[in-house]
Protein backbone atom coordinates (compact mmCIF):
# COMPACT_ATOMS: atom_id res chain seq x y z
CA MET A 1 -67.94 110.03 68.71
CA LEU A 2 -67.13 107.05 66.67
CA LEU A 3 -66.46 103.41 67.75
CA HIS A 4 -62.80 102.34 67.29
CA SER A 5 -61.95 99.69 64.71
CA SER A 6 -60.27 97.85 67.57
CA PHE A 7 -63.74 97.17 68.89
CA PHE A 8 -64.81 95.04 66.09
CA LYS A 9 -61.22 93.32 66.01
CA LYS A 10 -61.97 92.12 69.41
CA LEU A 11 -65.24 90.54 68.02
CA ASN A 12 -63.52 89.23 64.84
CA TRP A 13 -65.57 91.68 62.88
CA SER A 14 -64.67 94.25 60.34
CA ALA A 15 -67.71 96.34 59.67
CA HIS A 16 -68.09 98.35 56.54
CA GLU A 17 -70.65 99.22 53.73
CA ASN A 18 -70.33 98.20 50.07
CA SER A 19 -70.99 100.60 47.25
CA THR A 20 -74.75 100.28 47.47
CA GLY A 21 -74.77 101.29 51.23
CA ARG A 22 -75.61 97.61 52.26
CA SER A 23 -73.99 96.56 55.47
CA TRP A 24 -71.40 93.79 55.30
CA LEU A 25 -70.36 92.13 58.44
CA PRO A 26 -67.79 89.41 57.47
CA SER A 27 -66.17 87.29 60.00
CA ARG A 28 -65.21 83.66 60.80
CA VAL A 29 -68.61 82.82 61.75
CA ARG A 30 -69.94 84.28 58.23
CA LEU A 31 -73.29 85.73 59.38
CA LYS A 32 -74.83 85.67 56.08
CA ALA A 33 -77.99 86.95 57.53
CA ALA A 34 -76.30 90.26 57.68
CA ALA A 35 -76.68 90.74 54.03
CA ALA A 36 -80.39 90.02 54.30
CA VAL A 37 -81.14 92.82 56.77
CA PRO A 38 -81.93 95.84 54.71
CA LYS A 39 -80.88 98.57 57.17
CA ALA A 40 -77.34 99.86 56.35
CA LEU A 41 -74.89 100.54 59.03
CA ARG A 42 -75.23 104.44 58.58
CA GLU A 43 -78.95 104.12 59.54
CA TYR A 44 -77.98 103.16 63.21
CA ASP A 45 -77.49 106.01 65.48
CA LEU A 46 -75.04 106.43 68.17
CA ARG A 47 -77.15 105.11 71.00
CA GLN A 48 -77.99 102.00 68.90
CA TRP A 49 -74.33 101.46 68.23
CA LEU A 50 -73.39 101.72 71.93
CA ARG A 51 -76.14 99.24 72.40
CA LEU A 52 -74.52 96.93 69.69
CA GLN A 53 -77.81 96.56 67.86
CA PRO A 54 -76.15 96.13 64.61
CA LEU A 55 -74.48 93.12 65.93
CA LEU A 56 -77.45 92.06 67.80
CA HIS A 57 -79.77 92.36 64.84
CA ALA A 58 -77.33 90.44 62.29
CA VAL A 59 -77.04 87.57 64.97
CA LYS A 60 -80.84 87.36 65.53
CA SER A 61 -81.62 87.49 61.72
CA ALA A 62 -79.12 84.76 61.25
CA ARG A 63 -81.01 82.72 63.62
CA TYR A 64 -84.36 83.60 62.06
CA ARG A 65 -83.03 82.60 58.70
CA LYS A 66 -81.67 79.27 59.92
CA ILE A 67 -85.02 78.48 61.31
CA ASP A 68 -86.84 79.56 57.98
CA ARG A 69 -84.39 77.45 55.97
CA ARG A 70 -85.12 74.43 57.96
CA PHE A 71 -88.87 75.03 57.82
CA LEU A 72 -88.68 75.40 53.81
CA ARG A 73 -87.07 71.71 53.71
CA GLN A 74 -90.20 70.13 55.51
CA PRO A 75 -92.52 68.08 53.45
CA LEU A 76 -96.26 68.80 53.27
CA LYS A 77 -98.39 66.99 55.99
CA ASN A 78 -101.09 66.45 53.29
CA GLY A 79 -101.57 67.45 49.76
CA ASP A 80 -100.62 66.30 46.21
CA ILE A 81 -97.65 68.57 45.53
CA GLN A 82 -96.88 67.14 42.25
CA GLY A 83 -100.35 67.29 40.91
CA ILE A 84 -100.86 70.95 42.03
CA ARG A 85 -97.58 72.01 40.39
CA ALA A 86 -98.79 70.48 37.34
CA ALA A 87 -102.24 72.41 37.59
CA ALA A 88 -100.57 75.52 38.34
CA ARG A 89 -98.18 75.54 35.41
CA ASP A 90 -98.81 78.41 32.87
CA ARG A 91 -101.98 79.52 34.68
CA CYS A 92 -102.99 82.40 36.99
CA VAL A 93 -103.00 81.10 40.51
CA LEU A 94 -104.52 82.59 43.75
CA ILE A 95 -102.95 81.35 47.05
CA THR A 96 -104.81 81.83 50.44
CA VAL A 97 -102.83 81.08 53.61
CA ALA A 98 -105.66 79.51 56.04
CA PHE A 99 -105.29 79.41 59.73
CA GLY A 100 -107.99 77.77 61.55
CA ASP A 101 -111.40 79.61 60.54
CA ALA A 102 -113.26 77.35 58.23
CA GLN A 103 -116.18 79.81 58.01
CA CYS A 104 -113.77 82.65 56.88
CA LEU A 105 -112.24 80.51 54.22
CA GLU A 106 -115.59 79.30 52.97
CA LEU A 107 -116.95 82.94 52.54
CA GLN A 108 -113.84 83.85 50.67
CA LEU A 109 -113.83 80.80 48.31
CA ARG A 110 -117.46 81.33 47.52
CA LEU A 111 -116.76 84.81 46.74
CA THR A 112 -113.53 84.45 44.63
CA ARG A 113 -115.19 81.75 42.62
CA ARG A 114 -117.86 83.85 41.97
CA PHE A 115 -116.35 87.16 41.18
CA VAL A 116 -112.55 86.66 40.68
CA ARG A 117 -110.86 85.84 37.58
CA HIS A 118 -108.34 83.16 38.08
CA ASP A 119 -107.38 79.44 37.08
CA LEU A 120 -106.74 77.89 40.13
CA HIS A 121 -107.08 78.73 43.99
CA ILE A 122 -104.62 77.04 46.21
CA VAL A 123 -105.29 76.99 50.03
CA ALA A 124 -101.86 76.73 52.06
CA ASP A 125 -103.36 75.46 55.47
CA ASN A 126 -101.20 76.88 58.27
CA SER A 127 -103.68 75.84 60.96
CA ILE A 128 -102.37 74.63 64.26
CA SER A 129 -104.99 71.87 64.87
CA GLU A 130 -105.74 69.07 62.88
CA ALA A 131 -109.39 69.48 63.39
CA SER A 132 -109.17 72.92 61.79
CA ALA A 133 -107.14 71.43 58.89
CA ARG A 134 -109.81 68.76 58.22
CA ASP A 135 -112.63 71.30 58.09
CA ASN A 136 -110.55 73.57 55.85
CA ARG A 137 -109.93 70.61 53.51
CA GLN A 138 -113.66 69.91 53.32
CA VAL A 139 -114.42 73.48 52.50
CA CYS A 140 -111.69 73.36 49.75
CA ALA A 141 -113.29 70.15 48.24
CA THR A 142 -116.71 71.61 48.27
CA HIS A 143 -115.76 74.88 46.39
CA GLY A 144 -113.17 73.38 43.93
CA ALA A 145 -110.00 74.90 45.48
CA ALA A 146 -106.77 72.70 46.05
CA HIS A 147 -105.60 72.26 49.62
CA VAL A 148 -102.13 71.72 50.89
CA ARG A 149 -101.46 71.08 54.61
CA LEU A 150 -98.28 72.86 55.38
CA PRO A 151 -95.66 71.48 57.71
CA THR A 152 -95.71 72.40 61.19
CA ASN A 153 -94.61 76.06 61.39
CA PRO A 154 -92.08 76.96 63.92
CA TRP A 155 -93.26 80.42 64.38
CA THR A 156 -97.21 80.06 64.72
CA ALA A 157 -97.13 80.11 68.50
CA ARG A 158 -94.66 82.89 68.80
CA SER A 159 -95.25 85.41 66.06
CA PRO A 160 -98.36 85.35 63.66
CA SER A 161 -96.51 87.70 61.11
CA ARG A 162 -93.46 85.38 60.85
CA SER A 163 -95.65 82.59 60.68
CA HIS A 164 -97.47 83.82 57.75
CA GLY A 165 -94.21 85.08 55.95
CA ALA A 166 -92.87 81.49 56.42
CA ALA A 167 -96.00 79.93 55.00
CA LEU A 168 -95.72 82.19 51.89
CA ASN A 169 -92.18 81.33 51.30
CA TRP A 170 -92.79 77.70 51.67
CA MET A 171 -95.29 78.09 48.82
CA TRP A 172 -92.96 80.15 46.91
CA HIS A 173 -90.04 77.68 46.97
CA ASN A 174 -91.99 74.43 46.90
CA ILE A 175 -95.01 75.06 44.75
CA LEU A 176 -94.75 78.20 42.63
CA LYS A 177 -91.16 78.31 41.56
CA PRO A 178 -91.04 74.52 40.40
CA ALA A 179 -94.71 75.17 38.75
CA ALA A 180 -93.84 78.46 36.84
CA PRO A 181 -97.16 79.86 36.81
CA THR A 182 -98.11 82.56 34.26
CA ALA A 183 -98.94 84.77 37.30
CA PHE A 184 -99.72 84.34 41.05
CA GLY A 185 -101.20 86.34 43.89
CA PHE A 186 -101.46 86.09 47.70
CA LEU A 187 -104.78 86.68 49.74
CA ASP A 188 -105.33 86.93 53.27
CA GLN A 189 -108.14 84.64 54.31
CA ASP A 190 -110.40 87.47 55.82
CA LEU A 191 -110.37 89.48 52.46
CA PHE A 192 -113.62 89.12 50.49
CA PRO A 193 -114.38 90.30 46.84
CA THR A 194 -117.88 91.72 46.47
CA GLN A 195 -117.76 92.67 42.81
CA PRO A 196 -116.50 91.20 39.47
CA CYS A 197 -112.75 91.74 39.24
CA ASP A 198 -109.65 90.61 37.55
CA PRO A 199 -106.59 91.24 39.80
CA PHE A 200 -104.36 89.79 37.06
CA GLU A 201 -105.17 92.51 34.55
CA PRO A 202 -102.69 95.04 35.87
CA LEU A 203 -99.95 92.51 35.28
CA GLU A 204 -100.26 93.17 31.63
CA VAL A 205 -98.48 96.52 32.22
CA ALA A 206 -96.72 96.02 35.34
CA PRO A 207 -94.59 93.33 36.90
CA PHE A 208 -96.55 93.34 40.25
CA HIS A 209 -98.98 95.19 41.98
CA GLY A 210 -100.88 95.37 45.28
CA ASP A 211 -101.61 97.39 48.44
CA LEU A 212 -98.59 99.28 48.96
CA ARG A 213 -97.19 100.30 52.55
CA ARG A 214 -94.20 102.33 53.67
CA ALA A 215 -91.64 101.95 56.18
CA GLY A 216 -89.65 105.22 56.27
CA SER A 217 -87.84 105.49 53.01
CA ARG A 218 -88.79 101.76 51.97
CA TRP A 219 -92.02 100.35 50.74
CA TYR A 220 -93.56 96.89 50.05
CA LEU A 221 -96.76 95.19 49.04
CA TRP A 222 -99.08 94.08 51.84
CA ALA A 223 -98.86 90.35 52.02
CA GLY A 224 -102.75 90.14 52.18
CA TYR A 225 -103.13 91.39 48.44
CA CYS A 226 -100.07 91.07 46.12
CA PHE A 227 -99.88 89.84 42.55
CA PHE A 228 -96.83 89.00 40.57
CA ARG A 229 -95.95 88.15 36.86
CA PHE A 230 -93.87 85.06 37.08
CA ASP A 231 -91.63 86.03 34.15
CA ALA A 232 -90.73 89.27 36.08
CA VAL A 233 -89.69 87.81 39.38
CA GLY A 234 -89.31 84.03 38.88
CA ARG A 235 -85.41 84.30 38.98
CA LYS A 236 -85.13 86.78 41.84
CA PRO A 237 -84.28 85.65 45.43
CA LEU A 238 -87.74 86.64 46.75
CA ASP A 239 -88.42 86.53 50.52
CA PHE A 240 -92.16 87.09 51.67
CA GLY A 241 -91.02 87.29 55.26
CA LEU A 242 -90.48 90.37 57.26
CA ASP A 243 -87.63 92.48 58.88
CA TRP A 244 -88.75 94.21 62.11
CA PHE A 245 -85.35 95.90 62.48
CA ALA A 246 -86.02 97.86 59.23
CA GLY A 247 -89.74 98.44 60.10
CA LEU A 248 -91.04 95.91 57.40
CA ASP A 249 -93.80 93.67 58.09
CA THR A 250 -94.66 90.37 56.15
CA GLY A 251 -93.72 90.77 52.61
CA GLY A 252 -91.34 93.55 53.23
CA ALA A 253 -88.17 91.48 53.02
CA ASN A 254 -88.56 91.57 49.18
CA TRP A 255 -87.41 95.24 49.41
CA GLU A 256 -83.94 94.45 48.67
CA ALA A 257 -84.70 91.78 45.85
CA LEU A 258 -87.48 93.62 44.22
CA TYR A 259 -89.05 96.76 45.57
CA ARG A 260 -86.02 99.05 45.95
CA TYR A 261 -85.57 99.17 42.10
CA VAL A 262 -88.92 100.21 41.27
CA ASP A 263 -90.75 103.71 41.69
CA PRO A 264 -93.77 102.90 43.78
CA SER A 265 -95.90 105.51 41.91
CA THR A 266 -95.89 103.14 39.03
CA VAL A 267 -97.50 100.54 41.12
CA PRO A 268 -101.27 100.23 40.28
CA GLN A 269 -103.16 101.09 43.55
CA ARG A 270 -106.87 101.05 44.62
CA PRO A 271 -108.48 102.99 47.54
CA ILE A 272 -108.40 101.80 51.06
CA THR A 273 -111.07 103.03 53.62
CA ALA A 274 -110.91 102.03 57.31
CA PHE A 275 -114.30 101.79 59.20
CA ALA A 276 -115.70 100.59 62.55
CA ALA A 277 -118.00 97.38 61.66
CA LEU A 278 -120.16 97.80 64.67
CA PRO A 279 -122.19 101.16 65.12
CA GLY A 280 -121.33 103.01 68.21
CA VAL A 281 -118.00 101.30 68.63
CA GLU A 282 -114.82 103.14 68.17
CA LEU A 283 -112.54 102.28 65.16
CA ARG A 284 -109.84 100.47 66.89
CA ARG A 285 -112.20 98.07 68.66
CA ALA A 286 -114.04 97.14 65.61
CA TYR A 287 -111.56 97.77 62.74
CA CYS A 288 -112.40 96.87 59.18
CA GLU A 289 -111.49 98.02 55.67
CA TRP A 290 -112.79 98.48 52.26
CA ARG A 291 -109.96 97.88 49.83
CA GLY A 292 -111.45 98.81 46.60
CA SER A 293 -114.40 96.48 46.35
CA TRP A 294 -112.90 93.99 48.67
CA LEU A 295 -114.09 93.64 52.32
CA HIS A 296 -111.16 93.02 54.76
CA GLU A 297 -112.38 91.83 58.07
CA VAL A 298 -108.87 92.47 59.78
CA GLY A 299 -109.60 89.58 61.96
CA LEU A 300 -106.39 89.71 63.92
CA ASP A 301 -107.07 93.35 65.02
CA GLY A 302 -109.38 95.15 67.39
CA ASP A 303 -110.97 93.94 70.41
CA LEU A 304 -111.18 90.20 70.19
CA SER A 305 -114.11 89.93 72.61
CA LEU A 306 -116.16 91.56 69.82
CA LYS A 307 -115.05 89.12 67.29
CA ALA A 308 -118.42 87.11 66.94
CA LYS A 309 -120.31 90.40 66.78
CA LYS A 310 -117.90 91.72 64.04
CA ARG A 311 -118.20 88.50 62.05
CA GLU A 312 -121.90 88.82 62.05
CA ALA A 313 -121.49 92.55 60.90
CA VAL A 314 -119.08 91.31 58.15
CA LEU A 315 -121.64 88.77 57.03
CA ARG A 316 -124.45 91.49 56.79
CA LEU A 317 -122.16 93.47 54.64
CA LEU A 318 -121.25 90.61 52.42
CA ALA A 319 -124.96 89.35 51.95
CA PRO A 320 -125.79 91.70 48.96
CA ALA A 321 -122.82 90.01 47.16
CA PHE A 322 -124.41 86.61 47.44
CA GLU A 323 -127.33 84.97 49.17
CA VAL A 324 -126.14 83.35 52.18
CA PRO A 325 -128.19 82.69 55.37
CA LEU A 326 -126.50 84.34 58.21
CA GLY A 327 -124.53 82.06 60.48
CA SER A 328 -125.12 79.30 58.11
CA ALA A 329 -121.11 78.80 57.39
CA ARG A 330 -119.27 76.85 59.89
CA GLN A 331 -116.70 78.69 62.03
CA GLY A 332 -113.42 76.87 62.65
CA ASN A 333 -111.49 76.98 65.83
């Protein structure tokens, strides 16, 4: 069964695909977000068509993009943007999105400063409360990281994944693109190196690398650990957001601009092992990961009632990497 073309005429739409299989939904309303939705029209089944999902997805995507564009134009609440751009130029830059856990941030900054080769570490503060932002700023000052207080994120209270993606895009458009660093990488704040490493070294032979994720026939780099050579991506329309309609989480919106043109088998990888941080507790309730020699706490996953005990377990696992009395670092709100 096919939907008759008159159906689209009533809606002032004429739906078709271009030669690459991408969907185009031109109309008088010019829903530009349709070009940003990776799913081609042929990927929708009959039931989805009858429910008008292609139209609804395009409309929702247009609304999301409008909100995101407005956020990208907002100025920093706090931070020397010109000075940070100058410091990042022609250098290897780490970027961590912080969101209200000063203890977690302090652990990461101490460990990256000790173990990870980089020139500059920037903390993009996406915290809700100003008290958390002040704590994070103090941690950055103590451990030699640059701190920028992002504008109020429209997604923070609604969708953590969209909030994170919007924060990454703000940094890309307002810091990284103007600065033109040699290379840059994004880190989740609850990801901790435990041995010396150089995450920029693989960029000598690859334009980007990180932890690969798949969504059907598509793939992308996990937003918590992904590195890019600027000369390879600086002119591309990058989007570190997500597209749930195509099964793509944060960072996956780069599929169209970047990943679809690259064989994923050529992207350097590292082993990833999941484990329960607490003895006798099932994996899903105390989920953690070893990503190579990096420990990922996965703080937003698992049983939140076990968060404090899980943090204690993480501190014990990190103790061999550096001498830190358990519980000595502050935990933000």
